[in-house]
C-alpha atoms as a PDB file:
ATOM      1  CA  MET A   1       0.000   0.000   0.000  1.00  0.00           C
ATOM      2  CA  GLY A   2       1.550   3.366   0.918  1.00  0.00           C
ATOM      3  CA  THR A   3       0.529   6.989   0.914  1.00  0.00           C
ATOM      4  CA  VAL A   4       1.438   7.624  -2.723  1.00  0.00           C
ATOM      5  CA  ILE A   5      -1.659   6.815  -4.734  1.00  0.00           C
ATOM      6  CA  ASN A   6      -1.351   5.324  -8.198  1.00  0.00           C
ATOM      7  CA  ALA A   7      -1.992   8.183 -10.585  1.00  0.00           C
ATOM      8  CA  ALA A   8      -3.496   5.833 -13.125  1.00  0.00           C
ATOM      9  CA  ILE A   9      -6.503   5.445 -10.834  1.00  0.00           C
ATOM     10  CA  PHE A  10      -7.409   9.074 -11.318  1.00  0.00           C
ATOM     11  CA  ALA A  11      -6.548   9.127 -14.984  1.00  0.00           C
ATOM     12  CA  ALA A  12      -8.886   6.227 -15.674  1.00  0.00           C
ATOM     13  CA  ALA A  13     -11.650   7.710 -13.565  1.00  0.00           C
ATOM     14  CA  SER A  14     -11.443  11.220 -14.995  1.00  0.00           C
ATOM     15  CA  LEU A  15     -11.350  10.031 -18.601  1.00  0.00           C
ATOM     16  CA  GLY A  16     -14.211   7.597 -18.180  1.00  0.00           C
ATOM     17  CA  LEU A  17     -11.941   4.621 -18.741  1.00  0.00           C
ATOM     18  CA  ALA A  18     -13.000   2.582 -15.735  1.00  0.00           C
ATOM     19  CA  THR A  19     -13.540  -1.065 -16.589  1.00  0.00           C
ATOM     20  CA  SER A  20     -16.845  -2.823 -17.079  1.00  0.00           C
ATOM     21  CA  ALA A  21     -16.835  -3.513 -13.331  1.00  0.00           C
ATOM     22  CA  VAL A  22     -18.166   0.041 -12.921  1.00  0.00           C
ATOM     23  CA  ALA A  23     -20.032   0.291 -16.210  1.00  0.00           C
ATOM     24  CA  ALA A  24     -22.217  -2.736 -15.461  1.00  0.00           C
ATOM     25  CA  PRO A  25     -23.163  -2.812 -11.770  1.00  0.00           C
ATOM     26  CA  ALA A  26     -25.312  -5.610 -10.371  1.00  0.00           C
ATOM     27  CA  ALA A  27     -29.036  -5.354 -11.238  1.00  0.00           C
ATOM     28  CA  GLU A  28     -29.776  -5.388  -7.519  1.00  0.00           C
ATOM     29  CA  PRO A  29     -26.717  -3.886  -5.799  1.00  0.00           C
ATOM     30  CA  LEU A  30     -25.434  -5.969  -2.919  1.00  0.00           C
ATOM     31  CA  TYR A  31     -24.353  -2.846  -0.993  1.00  0.00           C
ATOM     32  CA  LYS A  32     -25.708   0.661  -0.622  1.00  0.00           C
ATOM     33  CA  LEU A  33     -24.015   3.856   0.541  1.00  0.00           C
ATOM     34  CA  VAL A  34     -25.439   4.779   3.944  1.00  0.00           C
ATOM     35  CA  ALA A  35     -23.061   7.513   5.170  1.00  0.00           C
ATOM     36  CA  SER A  36     -20.158   9.729   4.163  1.00  0.00           C
ATOM     37  CA  VAL A  37     -17.958  11.129   6.930  1.00  0.00           C
ATOM     38  CA  PRO A  38     -15.570  14.049   6.148  1.00  0.00           C
ATOM     39  CA  LEU A  39     -12.067  13.363   7.471  1.00  0.00           C
ATOM     40  CA  GLY A  40     -10.386  16.708   6.817  1.00  0.00           C
ATOM     41  CA  ALA A  41      -6.806  17.473   5.867  1.00  0.00           C
ATOM     42  CA  GLY A  42      -4.317  14.762   5.050  1.00  0.00           C
ATOM     43  CA  ASP A  43      -5.416  13.727   1.576  1.00  0.00           C
ATOM     44  CA  ARG A  44      -3.026  10.808   1.049  1.00  0.00           C
ATOM     45  CA  TRP A  45      -4.299   7.773   2.890  1.00  0.00           C
ATOM     46  CA  ASP A  46      -3.663   4.080   3.431  1.00  0.00           C
ATOM     47  CA  TYR A  47      -5.165   1.456   5.742  1.00  0.00           C
ATOM     48  CA  VAL A  48      -8.512   1.661   7.523  1.00  0.00           C
ATOM     49  CA  THR A  49      -9.310  -0.472  10.610  1.00  0.00           C
ATOM     50  CA  TYR A  50     -12.579  -1.233  12.415  1.00  0.00           C
ATOM     51  CA  ASP A  51     -12.487  -1.729  16.199  1.00  0.00           C
ATOM     52  CA  ALA A  52     -15.481  -3.679  17.519  1.00  0.00           C
ATOM     53  CA  ALA A  53     -14.813  -2.882  21.184  1.00  0.00           C
ATOM     54  CA  SER A  54     -15.240   0.876  20.687  1.00  0.00           C
ATOM     55  CA  ASN A  55     -17.374   0.761  17.514  1.00  0.00           C
ATOM     56  CA  ARG A  56     -14.899   3.106  15.878  1.00  0.00           C
ATOM     57  CA  VAL A  57     -13.056   3.247  12.581  1.00  0.00           C
ATOM     58  CA  PHE A  58      -9.408   4.320  12.397  1.00  0.00           C
ATOM     59  CA  VAL A  59      -8.182   5.848   9.114  1.00  0.00           C
ATOM     60  CA  ALA A  60      -4.473   6.480   8.480  1.00  0.00           C
ATOM     61  CA  HIS A  61      -3.998   9.578   6.331  1.00  0.00           C
ATOM     62  CA  GLY A  62      -1.414  12.304   6.046  1.00  0.00           C
ATOM     63  CA  ASP A  63       0.638  12.556   9.222  1.00  0.00           C
ATOM     64  CA  HIS A  64      -2.055  11.217  11.541  1.00  0.00           C
ATOM     65  CA  VAL A  65      -4.890   8.763  12.118  1.00  0.00           C
ATOM     66  CA  SER A  66      -8.488   9.997  12.234  1.00  0.00           C
ATOM     67  CA  VAL A  67     -10.873   8.198  14.577  1.00  0.00           C
ATOM     68  CA  VAL A  68     -14.520   7.990  13.497  1.00  0.00           C
ATOM     69  CA  ASP A  69     -17.219   7.307  16.082  1.00  0.00           C
ATOM     70  CA  LEU A  70     -19.881   5.200  14.358  1.00  0.00           C
ATOM     71  CA  SER A  71     -22.539   6.093  16.920  1.00  0.00           C
ATOM     72  CA  ASN A  72     -22.826   9.536  15.289  1.00  0.00           C
ATOM     73  CA  ASN A  73     -20.617   9.158  12.181  1.00  0.00           C
ATOM     74  CA  SER A  74     -18.223  11.918  13.131  1.00  0.00           C
ATOM     75  CA  VAL A  75     -14.496  12.296  13.789  1.00  0.00           C
ATOM     76  CA  THR A  76     -13.940  12.056  17.518  1.00  0.00           C
ATOM     77  CA  GLY A  77     -10.154  12.437  17.644  1.00  0.00           C
ATOM     78  CA  GLN A  78      -6.762  12.340  15.928  1.00  0.00           C
ATOM     79  CA  ILE A  79      -3.602  10.343  16.603  1.00  0.00           C
ATOM     80  CA  GLY A  80      -0.352  12.047  15.667  1.00  0.00           C
ATOM     81  CA  PRO A  81       1.378  13.879  14.215  1.00  0.00           C
ATOM     82  CA  LEU A  82       3.792  11.382  12.697  1.00  0.00           C
ATOM     83  CA  PRO A  83       5.606  13.443  10.048  1.00  0.00           C
ATOM     84  CA  GLY A  84       6.724  10.491   7.912  1.00  0.00           C
ATOM     85  CA  GLY A  85       3.151   9.441   7.208  1.00  0.00           C
ATOM     86  CA  THR A  86       0.866   6.891   8.853  1.00  0.00           C
ATOM     87  CA  HIS A  87      -0.084   3.603   7.207  1.00  0.00           C
ATOM     88  CA  GLY A  88      -1.303   0.687   9.330  1.00  0.00           C
ATOM     89  CA  ILE A  89      -3.438   0.544  12.474  1.00  0.00           C
ATOM     90  CA  ALA A  90      -3.978  -2.303  14.934  1.00  0.00           C
ATOM     91  CA  LEU A  91      -5.533  -2.504  18.390  1.00  0.00           C
ATOM     92  CA  THR A  92      -4.774  -5.065  21.091  1.00  0.00           C
ATOM     93  CA  PRO A  93      -7.968  -5.825  23.036  1.00  0.00           C
ATOM     94  CA  ASP A  94      -6.278  -7.449  26.023  1.00  0.00           C
ATOM     95  CA  ASP A  95      -3.606  -4.797  26.537  1.00  0.00           C
ATOM     96  CA  GLY A  96      -5.654  -1.713  25.701  1.00  0.00           C
ATOM     97  CA  THR A  97      -3.072  -0.376  23.302  1.00  0.00           C
ATOM     98  CA  GLY A  98      -3.219   0.799  19.705  1.00  0.00           C
ATOM     99  CA  TYR A  99      -0.438   0.898  17.140  1.00  0.00           C
ATOM    100  CA  THR A 100       0.248   2.892  14.005  1.00  0.00           C
ATOM    101  CA  ASP A 101       3.501   3.830  12.273  1.00  0.00           C
ATOM    102  CA  ASP A 102       5.688   6.437  10.667  1.00  0.00           C
ATOM    103  CA  GLY A 103       6.734   5.005   7.320  1.00  0.00           C
ATOM    104  CA  LYS A 104       9.633   7.280   6.494  1.00  0.00           C
ATOM    105  CA  ALA A 105      11.047   7.135  10.002  1.00  0.00           C
ATOM    106  CA  GLY A 106      10.754   3.341   9.995  1.00  0.00           C
ATOM    107  CA  MET A 107       9.061   3.077  13.355  1.00  0.00           C
ATOM    108  CA  ALA A 108       5.854   1.989  15.048  1.00  0.00           C
ATOM    109  CA  ALA A 109       3.999   4.201  17.510  1.00  0.00           C
ATOM    110  CA  SER A 110       1.843   2.895  20.336  1.00  0.00           C
ATOM    111  CA  PHE A 111      -1.112   5.004  21.443  1.00  0.00           C
ATOM    112  CA  ASP A 112      -3.895   5.117  23.998  1.00  0.00           C
ATOM    113  CA  PRO A 113      -7.159   4.201  22.189  1.00  0.00           C
ATOM    114  CA  LYS A 114      -9.178   6.336  24.640  1.00  0.00           C
ATOM    115  CA  SER A 115      -7.155   9.553  24.836  1.00  0.00           C
ATOM    116  CA  PHE A 116      -5.439   9.031  21.434  1.00  0.00           C
ATOM    117  CA  ALA A 117      -2.148  10.149  22.977  1.00  0.00           C
ATOM    118  CA  ILE A 118       1.024   8.566  21.594  1.00  0.00           C
ATOM    119  CA  ARG A 119       2.678   6.509  24.318  1.00  0.00           C
ATOM    120  CA  SER A 120       5.960   5.436  22.757  1.00  0.00           C
ATOM    121  CA  LYS A 121       7.853   5.011  19.508  1.00  0.00           C
ATOM    122  CA  ILE A 122       9.355   1.641  18.628  1.00  0.00           C
ATOM    123  CA  PRO A 123      12.071   1.185  15.991  1.00  0.00           C
ATOM    124  CA  ALA A 124      10.983  -0.965  13.034  1.00  0.00           C
ATOM    125  CA  ALA A 125      12.481  -0.554   9.528  1.00  0.00           C
ATOM    126  CA  PRO A 126      12.124   1.796   6.542  1.00  0.00           C
ATOM    127  CA  ASP A 127       8.680   1.721   4.907  1.00  0.00           C
ATOM    128  CA  ALA A 128       6.885   0.535   8.033  1.00  0.00           C
ATOM    129  CA  ASP A 129       3.449  -0.068   6.578  1.00  0.00           C
ATOM    130  CA  GLY A 130       0.697  -2.564   7.428  1.00  0.00           C
ATOM    131  CA  ILE A 131       0.127  -3.581  11.058  1.00  0.00           C
ATOM    132  CA  VAL A 132      -1.687  -6.714  12.250  1.00  0.00           C
ATOM    133  CA  PHE A 133      -2.623  -7.984  15.721  1.00  0.00           C
ATOM    134  CA  ASP A 134      -2.462 -11.774  16.097  1.00  0.00           C
ATOM    135  CA  LYS A 135      -4.644 -13.062  18.933  1.00  0.00           C
ATOM    136  CA  PRO A 136      -3.023 -16.496  19.499  1.00  0.00           C
ATOM    137  CA  SER A 137       0.445 -15.039  20.079  1.00  0.00           C
ATOM    138  CA  GLY A 138      -0.750 -11.728  21.499  1.00  0.00           C
ATOM    139  CA  HIS A 139       1.821 -10.003  19.298  1.00  0.00           C
ATOM    140  CA  VAL A 140       1.666  -7.137  16.819  1.00  0.00           C
ATOM    141  CA  PHE A 141       3.302  -7.579  13.406  1.00  0.00           C
ATOM    142  CA  VAL A 142       4.567  -4.513  11.512  1.00  0.00           C
ATOM    143  CA  VAL A 143       5.138  -5.138   7.813  1.00  0.00           C
ATOM    144  CA  ASN A 144       8.145  -3.150   6.581  1.00  0.00           C
ATOM    145  CA  GLY A 145       7.231  -3.206   2.895  1.00  0.00           C
ATOM    146  CA  ASP A 146      10.279  -2.099   0.935  1.00  0.00           C
ATOM    147  CA  SER A 147      12.623  -3.466   3.599  1.00  0.00           C
ATOM    148  CA  GLY A 148      11.232  -6.974   3.127  1.00  0.00           C
ATOM    149  CA  SER A 149      10.953  -7.607   6.857  1.00  0.00           C
ATOM    150  CA  ILE A 150       8.412  -7.827   9.668  1.00  0.00           C
ATOM    151  CA  THR A 151       8.943  -6.321  13.121  1.00  0.00           C
ATOM    152  CA  VAL A 152       7.308  -8.302  15.929  1.00  0.00           C
ATOM    153  CA  ILE A 153       6.121  -6.308  18.946  1.00  0.00           C
ATOM    154  CA  ASP A 154       5.079  -7.716  22.315  1.00  0.00           C
ATOM    155  CA  PRO A 155       2.493  -5.264  23.752  1.00  0.00           C
ATOM    156  CA  LYS A 156       3.207  -6.265  27.360  1.00  0.00           C
ATOM    157  CA  PRO A 157       6.678  -4.662  27.488  1.00  0.00           C
ATOM    158  CA  ASN A 158       5.609  -2.567  24.481  1.00  0.00           C
ATOM    159  CA  ALA A 159       8.812  -3.401  22.666  1.00  0.00           C
ATOM    160  CA  ALA A 160      10.058  -5.136  19.534  1.00  0.00           C
ATOM    161  CA  ILE A 161      11.150  -8.694  20.305  1.00  0.00           C
ATOM    162  CA  THR A 162      12.421  -9.846  16.911  1.00  0.00           C
ATOM    163  CA  THR A 163      12.544  -9.128  13.195  1.00  0.00           C
ATOM    164  CA  ILE A 164      11.457 -11.649  10.556  1.00  0.00           C
ATOM    165  CA  ASP A 165      13.601 -11.292   7.450  1.00  0.00           C
ATOM    166  CA  VAL A 166      11.546 -12.272   4.404  1.00  0.00           C
ATOM    167  CA  GLY A 167      14.029 -10.925   1.862  1.00  0.00           C
ATOM    168  CA  ALA A 168      11.775  -9.275  -0.721  1.00  0.00           C
ATOM    169  CA  GLY A 169       9.227  -6.462  -0.914  1.00  0.00           C
ATOM    170  CA  LEU A 170       6.011  -7.015   0.998  1.00  0.00           C
ATOM    171  CA  GLU A 171       2.487  -5.615   1.113  1.00  0.00           C
ATOM    172  CA  ALA A 172      -0.521  -6.356   3.312  1.00  0.00           C
ATOM    173  CA  ALA A 173      -0.835  -9.115   5.935  1.00  0.00           C
ATOM    174  CA  ALA A 174      -3.646 -10.918   7.740  1.00  0.00           C
ATOM    175  CA  SER A 175      -3.870 -13.330  10.666  1.00  0.00           C
ATOM    176  CA  ASP A 176      -5.997 -16.469  10.458  1.00  0.00           C
ATOM    177  CA  GLY A 177      -6.522 -16.431  14.235  1.00  0.00           C
ATOM    178  CA  LYS A 178      -5.062 -19.923  14.429  1.00  0.00           C
ATOM    179  CA  GLY A 179      -1.370 -19.127  14.746  1.00  0.00           C
ATOM    180  CA  HIS A 180      -0.499 -18.098  11.209  1.00  0.00           C
ATOM    181  CA  LEU A 181       0.221 -14.796   9.518  1.00  0.00           C
ATOM    182  CA  PHE A 182      -0.190 -14.570   5.747  1.00  0.00           C
ATOM    183  CA  VAL A 183       1.650 -11.806   3.889  1.00  0.00           C
ATOM    184  CA  ASP A 184       1.428 -10.597   0.286  1.00  0.00           C
ATOM    185  CA  GLY A 185       4.818 -10.875  -1.377  1.00  0.00           C
ATOM    186  CA  ALA A 186       4.421  -7.913  -3.710  1.00  0.00           C
ATOM    187  CA  GLU A 187       7.879  -8.170  -5.229  1.00  0.00           C
ATOM    188  CA  LYS A 188       7.823 -11.876  -6.084  1.00  0.00           C
ATOM    189  CA  GLY A 189       4.076 -12.406  -6.438  1.00  0.00           C
ATOM    190  CA  ASP A 190       3.935 -15.034  -3.711  1.00  0.00           C
ATOM    191  CA  LEU A 191       2.115 -15.612  -0.427  1.00  0.00           C
ATOM    192  CA  ILE A 192       4.252 -15.948   2.693  1.00  0.00           C
ATOM    193  CA  LYS A 193       3.025 -18.078   5.605  1.00  0.00           C
ATOM    194  CA  ILE A 194       4.484 -17.381   9.056  1.00  0.00           C
ATOM    195  CA  ASP A 195       4.146 -19.231  12.373  1.00  0.00           C
ATOM    196  CA  THR A 196       3.181 -16.483  14.845  1.00  0.00           C
ATOM    197  CA  LYS A 197       4.398 -18.488  17.847  1.00  0.00           C
ATOM    198  CA  THR A 198       7.922 -19.145  16.595  1.00  0.00           C
ATOM    199  CA  ASN A 199       8.070 -16.270  14.058  1.00  0.00           C
ATOM    200  CA  ALA A 200       9.437 -18.741  11.501  1.00  0.00           C
ATOM    201  CA  VAL A 201       8.649 -18.466   7.798  1.00  0.00           C
ATOM    202  CA  LEU A 202       6.838 -21.715   7.039  1.00  0.00           C
ATOM    203  CA  ALA A 203       6.333 -21.359   3.301  1.00  0.00           C
ATOM    204  CA  HIS A 204       6.474 -19.190   0.201  1.00  0.00           C
ATOM    205  CA  PHE A 205       3.427 -20.127  -1.872  1.00  0.00           C
ATOM    206  CA  PRO A 206       3.770 -19.032  -5.519  1.00  0.00           C
ATOM    207  CA  MET A 207       0.741 -17.305  -7.046  1.00  0.00           C
ATOM    208  CA  PRO A 208       1.095 -17.652 -10.821  1.00  0.00           C
ATOM    209  CA  GLY A 209      -0.984 -15.070 -12.645  1.00  0.00           C
ATOM    210  CA  CYS A 210      -1.009 -12.640  -9.717  1.00  0.00           C
ATOM    211  CA  LYS A 211       1.002  -9.499 -10.341  1.00  0.00           C
ATOM    212  CA  SER A 212       1.971  -7.521  -7.252  1.00  0.00           C
ATOM    213  CA  PRO A 213      -0.620  -8.700  -4.685  1.00  0.00           C
ATOM    214  CA  HIS A 214      -1.862  -5.764  -2.611  1.00  0.00           C
ATOM    215  CA  GLY A 215      -4.970  -6.741  -0.666  1.00  0.00           C
ATOM    216  CA  ILE A 216      -5.415  -9.799   1.541  1.00  0.00           C
ATOM    217  CA  ALA A 217      -8.236 -11.408   3.516  1.00  0.00           C
ATOM    218  CA  VAL A 218      -8.708 -14.742   5.269  1.00  0.00           C
ATOM    219  CA  ASP A 219     -11.566 -17.199   5.738  1.00  0.00           C
ATOM    220  CA  ALA A 220     -10.303 -19.041   8.800  1.00  0.00           C
ATOM    221  CA  ALA A 221     -13.125 -21.605   8.720  1.00  0.00           C
ATOM    222  CA  SER A 222     -12.204 -22.949   5.290  1.00  0.00           C
ATOM    223  CA  ASP A 223      -8.495 -22.040   5.524  1.00  0.00           C
ATOM    224  CA  ARG A 224      -8.652 -19.964   2.358  1.00  0.00           C
ATOM    225  CA  ILE A 225      -6.655 -16.810   1.630  1.00  0.00           C
ATOM    226  CA  PHE A 226      -7.854 -14.123  -0.793  1.00  0.00           C
ATOM    227  CA  ALA A 227      -5.199 -11.976  -2.509  1.00  0.00           C
ATOM    228  CA  THR A 228      -6.137  -9.077  -4.786  1.00  0.00           C
ATOM    229  CA  CYS A 229      -3.652  -8.401  -7.561  1.00  0.00           C
ATOM    230  CA  VAL A 230      -2.928  -5.302  -9.636  1.00  0.00           C
ATOM    231  CA  ASN A 231      -3.572  -7.205 -12.885  1.00  0.00           C
ATOM    232  CA  LYS A 232      -7.273  -7.292 -11.987  1.00  0.00           C
ATOM    233  CA  VAL A 233      -7.596 -10.749 -10.490  1.00  0.00           C
ATOM    234  CA  MET A 234      -8.365 -12.190  -7.075  1.00  0.00           C
ATOM    235  CA  VAL A 235      -6.469 -15.380  -6.295  1.00  0.00           C
ATOM    236  CA  VAL A 236      -7.865 -17.843  -3.747  1.00  0.00           C
ATOM    237  CA  VAL A 237      -5.176 -19.934  -2.036  1.00  0.00           C
ATOM    238  CA  ASN A 238      -5.424 -23.024   0.155  1.00  0.00           C
ATOM    239  CA  GLY A 239      -3.738 -21.803   3.333  1.00  0.00           C
ATOM    240  CA  ALA A 240      -2.570 -25.315   4.281  1.00  0.00           C
ATOM    241  CA  THR A 241      -1.086 -26.491   0.983  1.00  0.00           C
ATOM    242  CA  GLY A 242      -0.561 -23.318  -1.042  1.00  0.00           C
ATOM    243  CA  ALA A 243      -2.601 -24.683  -3.928  1.00  0.00           C
ATOM    244  CA  ILE A 244      -4.405 -22.121  -6.105  1.00  0.00           C
ATOM    245  CA  VAL A 245      -8.108 -22.842  -5.675  1.00  0.00           C
ATOM    246  CA  ALA A 246      -9.553 -20.147  -7.952  1.00  0.00           C
ATOM    247  CA  THR A 247      -8.657 -17.055  -9.957  1.00  0.00           C
ATOM    248  CA  LEU A 248     -11.440 -14.511 -10.447  1.00  0.00           C
ATOM    249  CA  PRO A 249     -11.779 -11.182 -12.306  1.00  0.00           C
ATOM    250  CA  ILE A 250     -11.977  -7.965 -10.287  1.00  0.00           C
ATOM    251  CA  GLY A 251     -11.779  -4.251 -11.077  1.00  0.00           C
ATOM    252  CA  ALA A 252      -8.707  -2.124 -11.688  1.00  0.00           C
ATOM    253  CA  PHE A 253      -6.331  -0.782  -9.017  1.00  0.00           C
ATOM    254  CA  PRO A 254      -7.233  -2.935  -5.996  1.00  0.00           C
ATOM    255  CA  ASP A 255      -5.363  -2.148  -2.782  1.00  0.00           C
ATOM    256  CA  GLY A 256      -7.315  -4.018  -0.125  1.00  0.00           C
ATOM    257  CA  ALA A 257      -9.647  -6.932   0.596  1.00  0.00           C
ATOM    258  CA  ALA A 258     -12.103  -8.083   3.233  1.00  0.00           C
ATOM    259  CA  PHE A 259     -14.031 -11.263   4.024  1.00  0.00           C
ATOM    260  CA  ASP A 260     -17.592 -11.376   5.348  1.00  0.00           C
ATOM    261  CA  ALA A 261     -17.707 -14.651   7.298  1.00  0.00           C
ATOM    262  CA  LYS A 262     -21.497 -14.572   7.723  1.00  0.00           C
ATOM    263  CA  ARG A 263     -22.314 -14.120   4.034  1.00  0.00           C
ATOM    264  CA  LYS A 264     -19.199 -15.931   2.782  1.00  0.00           C
ATOM    265  CA  TRP A 265     -18.331 -12.953   0.595  1.00  0.00           C
ATOM    266  CA  ALA A 266     -14.814 -11.837  -0.311  1.00  0.00           C
ATOM    267  CA  VAL A 267     -14.734  -8.219  -1.480  1.00  0.00           C
ATOM    268  CA  SER A 268     -12.185  -6.243  -3.476  1.00  0.00           C
ATOM    269  CA  PRO A 269     -12.296  -2.425  -3.388  1.00  0.00           C
ATOM    270  CA  ASN A 270     -10.965  -1.181  -6.709  1.00  0.00           C
ATOM    271  CA  GLY A 271      -9.523   2.322  -7.078  1.00  0.00           C
ATOM    272  CA  GLU A 272     -11.306   2.741 -10.407  1.00  0.00           C
ATOM    273  CA  GLY A 273     -14.507   3.198  -8.364  1.00  0.00           C
ATOM    274  CA  SER A 274     -15.942  -0.293  -7.977  1.00  0.00           C
ATOM    275  CA  LEU A 275     -16.356  -3.062  -5.433  1.00  0.00           C
ATOM    276  CA  THR A 276     -16.172  -6.668  -6.641  1.00  0.00           C
ATOM    277  CA  ILE A 277     -18.057  -9.264  -4.562  1.00  0.00           C
ATOM    278  CA  VAL A 278     -16.991 -12.925  -4.728  1.00  0.00           C
ATOM    279  CA  LYS A 279     -19.190 -15.652  -3.218  1.00  0.00           C
ATOM    280  CA  GLU A 280     -17.633 -18.667  -1.549  1.00  0.00           C
ATOM    281  CA  LYS A 281     -19.982 -21.507  -2.480  1.00  0.00           C
ATOM    282  CA  ASP A 282     -17.773 -23.976  -0.668  1.00  0.00           C
ATOM    283  CA  ALA A 283     -14.059 -24.189   0.087  1.00  0.00           C
ATOM    284  CA  ASP A 284     -13.186 -24.998  -3.516  1.00  0.00           C
ATOM    285  CA  HIS A 285     -15.801 -23.125  -5.561  1.00  0.00           C
ATOM    286  CA  TYR A 286     -16.122 -19.355  -6.017  1.00  0.00           C
ATOM    287  CA  ALA A 287     -17.964 -16.946  -8.295  1.00  0.00           C
ATOM    288  CA  VAL A 288     -18.261 -13.191  -8.825  1.00  0.00           C
ATOM    289  CA  ILE A 289     -21.846 -12.384  -7.833  1.00  0.00           C
ATOM    290  CA  GLY A 290     -21.897  -8.618  -8.216  1.00  0.00           C
ATOM    291  CA  THR A 291     -20.129  -5.334  -8.727  1.00  0.00           C
ATOM    292  CA  VAL A 292     -21.117  -2.165  -6.891  1.00  0.00           C
ATOM    293  CA  ALA A 293     -20.156   1.377  -7.858  1.00  0.00           C
ATOM    294  CA  THR A 294     -18.283   3.160  -5.047  1.00  0.00           C
ATOM    295  CA  ALA A 295     -16.131   6.219  -5.851  1.00  0.00           C
ATOM    296  CA  PRO A 296     -12.893   6.719  -7.785  1.00  0.00           C
ATOM    297  CA  THR A 297      -9.891   6.332  -5.426  1.00  0.00           C
ATOM    298  CA  ALA A 298     -11.818   4.066  -2.964  1.00  0.00           C
ATOM    299  CA  ARG A 299      -9.240   1.274  -2.852  1.00  0.00           C
ATOM    300  CA  THR A 300      -8.763   0.192   0.796  1.00  0.00           C
ATOM    301  CA  VAL A 301     -11.375  -1.306   3.103  1.00  0.00           C
ATOM    302  CA  ALA A 302     -12.272  -2.503   6.575  1.00  0.00           C
ATOM    303  CA  ILE A 303     -15.288  -4.597   7.545  1.00  0.00           C
ATOM    304  CA  ASN A 304     -17.598  -4.736  10.553  1.00  0.00           C
ATOM    305  CA  PRO A 305     -17.854  -8.514  11.142  1.00  0.00           C
ATOM    306  CA  GLN A 306     -21.111  -8.144  13.068  1.00  0.00           C
ATOM    307  CA  ASN A 307     -23.267  -6.503  10.388  1.00  0.00           C
ATOM    308  CA  GLY A 308     -21.075  -6.636   7.276  1.00  0.00           C
ATOM    309  CA  ASP A 309     -20.731  -2.866   6.836  1.00  0.00           C
ATOM    310  CA  LEU A 310     -17.742  -1.769   4.768  1.00  0.00           C
ATOM    311  CA  TYR A 311     -15.602   1.321   5.360  1.00  0.00           C
ATOM    312  CA  LEU A 312     -13.776   2.849   2.369  1.00  0.00           C
ATOM    313  CA  PRO A 313     -11.787   6.123   2.333  1.00  0.00           C
ATOM    314  CA  ALA A 314     -11.919   8.149  -0.901  1.00  0.00           C
ATOM    315  CA  ALA A 315     -10.940  11.656  -2.017  1.00  0.00           C
ATOM    316  CA  GLU A 316     -11.807  13.909  -4.951  1.00  0.00           C
ATOM    317  CA  VAL A 317      -9.425  14.670  -7.813  1.00  0.00           C
ATOM    318  CA  SER A 318      -8.943  18.327  -8.736  1.00  0.00           C
ATOM    319  CA  ARG A 319      -6.435  18.078 -11.576  1.00  0.00           C
ATOM    320  CA  ILE A 320      -4.453  15.634 -13.670  1.00  0.00           C
ATOM    321  CA  ASP A 321      -1.478  16.860 -15.696  1.00  0.00           C
ATOM    322  CA  PRO A 322       0.054  14.574 -18.336  1.00  0.00           C
ATOM    323  CA  PRO A 323       3.490  13.048 -17.738  1.00  0.00           C
ATOM    324  CA  SER A 324       6.394  15.418 -18.293  1.00  0.00           C
ATOM    325  CA  THR A 325       8.314  12.637 -20.045  1.00  0.00           C
ATOM    326  CA  PRO A 326       7.114   9.802 -22.294  1.00  0.00           C
ATOM    327  CA  GLY A 327       6.090   6.816 -20.200  1.00  0.00           C
ATOM    328  CA  GLY A 328       6.136   8.830 -16.980  1.00  0.00           C
ATOM    329  CA  ARG A 329       3.386   9.190 -14.415  1.00  0.00           C
ATOM    330  CA  PRO A 330       0.696  11.852 -14.627  1.00  0.00           C
ATOM    331  CA  HIS A 331       0.811  14.516 -11.940  1.00  0.00           C
ATOM    332  CA  VAL A 332      -2.318  14.240  -9.805  1.00  0.00           C
ATOM    333  CA  GLU A 333      -3.719  16.769  -7.361  1.00  0.00           C
ATOM    334  CA  LEU A 334      -6.473  16.013  -4.877  1.00  0.00           C
ATOM    335  CA  VAL A 335      -9.062  18.490  -3.672  1.00  0.00           C
ATOM    336  CA  PRO A 336      -7.632  19.665  -0.322  1.00  0.00           C
ATOM    337  CA  GLY A 337      -9.610  18.344   2.624  1.00  0.00           C
ATOM    338  CA  SER A 338     -11.886  16.212   0.434  1.00  0.00           C
ATOM    339  CA  LEU A 339     -11.055  12.843   1.989  1.00  0.00           C
ATOM    340  CA  LYS A 340     -14.150  11.069   3.308  1.00  0.00           C
ATOM    341  CA  LEU A 341     -14.985   7.741   4.866  1.00  0.00           C
ATOM    342  CA  LEU A 342     -17.691   6.064   2.807  1.00  0.00           C
ATOM    343  CA  ILE A 343     -19.851   3.546   4.677  1.00  0.00           C
ATOM    344  CA  PHE A 344     -21.557   0.840   2.646  1.00  0.00           C
ATOM    345  CA  ALA A 345     -24.109  -1.552   4.137  1.00  0.00           C
ATOM    346  CA  PRO A 346     -25.150  -4.907   2.641  1.00  0.00           C
ATOM    347  CA  THR A 347     -28.691  -4.827   1.249  1.00  0.00           C
ATOM    348  CA  ASP A 348     -29.706  -8.381   2.134  1.00  0.00           C
END
């Protein structure tokens, strides 16, 4: 992930080049927009996390994290500043501590989830990015993307206890709640499986046909991992064997994923402005059952496991200038202060 947003997302959206995922939404949309919460300044964003204990959503953007109270759909506080940019967010229910990071500084920051005050800063590695809490081990895992490593934090002493060297660029991670951490290997297009008790790398599962996996979600009941890839596919992997179970079409510019365990839906938010919904019929059979229009730039997601609501940050584009050199990236400007948290509810 990261705070720099792919300019092609905005170019496609502004020129009307979004794929058929947006052009042909489901006849009866599976989700509807129920709220839009302004988040204010800090227009470059990354991960979004839902906390069931407080019924709040944490959005990393700019140099801070905005906290949205879902009881009134308003921002109730900010965590920061962290000048190098925030990315991941995780909360530890037993220890009453939250974690985010400063990517450029290569560190994690613990905070008080009630007062939002930063408690301490913990060295990690350059490009500290996604953060995951693993319940079986009680540890927090900080994915250092470009560094190809994972910093393991024990919340009790609130300190790093080891570093897992993976050796290649990484993206998002997810815990299966059964003692394993699965990590997108963005550089090599593989899925890394880690034992959260021993912090040993158990396997590198190749994902042929998946270019630069960015989003990840887990169905712990069926032991299936869902990876969203920048070449517009979702790959379903057997978490025990590494076998590819299914490869399904999704929209352009995915950067997240979520799994609804009650409905057995895996969802891919696509930066082009669409949400692809995949139905798990059983552990080995999957199908795309719908596509819902969201908003251009809405590419990361968190889910409320109780009711299935989805939380997607998105901002407005003010200007796109063509590349200054052939083959270069367009220069994109966002409307200052336009970032919002979009809340989508399932319609069933």
